Amino acid sequence: KKLDKDRFRRDLGEVTEAYEEIYNRLKKVLNK
């Protein structure tokens, strides 16, 4: 069970990073 939790947390972190990158790109576009 602990292994699944760690895997879930790692996957969630990757998703969060992807969303942050998209958010940063959108900010640059909107600031122009």
N, C-alpha and C. Protein backbone atom coordinates (compact mmCIF):
# COMPACT_ATOMS: atom_id res chain seq x y z
N LYS A 1 0.86 -1.21 0.00
CA LYS A 1 0.00 0.00 0.00
C LYS A 1 0.89 1.25 0.00
N LYS A 2 1.95 1.24 0.77
CA LYS A 2 2.85 2.41 0.81
C LYS A 2 3.46 2.65 -0.57
N LEU A 3 3.77 1.54 -1.28
CA LEU A 3 4.38 1.67 -2.60
C LEU A 3 3.41 2.38 -3.55
N ASP A 4 2.12 2.00 -3.51
CA ASP A 4 1.14 2.64 -4.37
C ASP A 4 1.03 4.13 -4.06
N LYS A 5 1.09 4.45 -2.77
CA LYS A 5 0.96 5.86 -2.36
C LYS A 5 2.13 6.66 -2.93
N ASP A 6 3.34 6.10 -2.83
CA ASP A 6 4.51 6.81 -3.34
C ASP A 6 4.40 6.99 -4.85
N ARG A 7 3.95 5.93 -5.54
CA ARG A 7 3.82 6.01 -6.99
C ARG A 7 2.78 7.08 -7.36
N PHE A 8 1.67 7.09 -6.65
CA PHE A 8 0.62 8.08 -6.91
C PHE A 8 1.15 9.49 -6.72
N ARG A 9 1.92 9.69 -5.64
CA ARG A 9 2.45 11.02 -5.35
C ARG A 9 3.43 11.45 -6.44
N ARG A 10 4.23 10.50 -6.94
CA ARG A 10 5.20 10.85 -7.98
C ARG A 10 4.47 11.22 -9.27
N ASP A 11 3.46 10.42 -9.64
CA ASP A 11 2.69 10.73 -10.85
C ASP A 11 2.01 12.08 -10.71
N LEU A 12 1.46 12.36 -9.54
CA LEU A 12 0.79 13.64 -9.31
C LEU A 12 1.78 14.79 -9.49
N GLY A 13 3.01 14.59 -9.02
CA GLY A 13 4.03 15.62 -9.16
C GLY A 13 4.34 15.89 -10.62
N GLU A 14 4.40 14.83 -11.43
CA GLU A 14 4.69 15.01 -12.85
C GLU A 14 3.56 15.79 -13.51
N VAL A 15 2.33 15.46 -13.15
CA VAL A 15 1.17 16.16 -13.72
C VAL A 15 1.22 17.64 -13.33
N THR A 16 1.54 17.90 -12.07
CA THR A 16 1.61 19.29 -11.60
C THR A 16 2.66 20.07 -12.37
N GLU A 17 3.81 19.43 -12.64
CA GLU A 17 4.87 20.11 -13.39
C GLU A 17 4.37 20.46 -14.79
N ALA A 18 3.67 19.54 -15.42
CA ALA A 18 3.16 19.77 -16.77
C ALA A 18 2.19 20.95 -16.76
N TYR A 19 1.29 20.98 -15.77
CA TYR A 19 0.32 22.08 -15.70
C TYR A 19 1.02 23.41 -15.44
N GLU A 20 2.08 23.39 -14.63
CA GLU A 20 2.81 24.64 -14.36
C GLU A 20 3.44 25.17 -15.64
N GLU A 21 3.98 24.26 -16.46
CA GLU A 21 4.61 24.70 -17.71
C GLU A 21 3.56 25.31 -18.64
N ILE A 22 2.40 24.66 -18.74
CA ILE A 22 1.32 25.19 -19.58
C ILE A 22 0.88 26.55 -19.06
N TYR A 23 0.75 26.66 -17.73
CA TYR A 23 0.32 27.92 -17.12
C TYR A 23 1.31 29.04 -17.43
N ASN A 24 2.61 28.72 -17.33
CA ASN A 24 3.63 29.74 -17.60
C ASN A 24 3.58 30.18 -19.06
N ARG A 25 3.35 29.24 -19.98
CA ARG A 25 3.26 29.60 -21.41
C ARG A 25 2.05 30.49 -21.64
N LEU A 26 0.93 30.16 -21.00
CA LEU A 26 -0.28 30.98 -21.16
C LEU A 26 -0.04 32.39 -20.63
N LYS A 27 0.66 32.50 -19.50
CA LYS A 27 0.95 33.82 -18.94
C LYS A 27 1.74 34.66 -19.93
N LYS A 28 2.76 34.06 -20.56
CA LYS A 28 3.58 34.81 -21.52
C LYS A 28 2.72 35.29 -22.68
N VAL A 29 1.83 34.44 -23.16
CA VAL A 29 0.97 34.81 -24.29
C VAL A 29 0.02 35.93 -23.88
N LEU A 30 -0.56 35.82 -22.69
CA LEU A 30 -1.53 36.83 -22.26
C LEU A 30 -0.87 38.17 -21.94
N ASN A 31 0.40 38.15 -21.56
CA ASN A 31 1.08 39.40 -21.21
C ASN A 31 1.45 40.22 -22.44
N LYS A 32 1.45 39.59 -23.61
CA LYS A 32 1.87 40.33 -24.81
C LYS A 32 0.82 41.36 -25.22
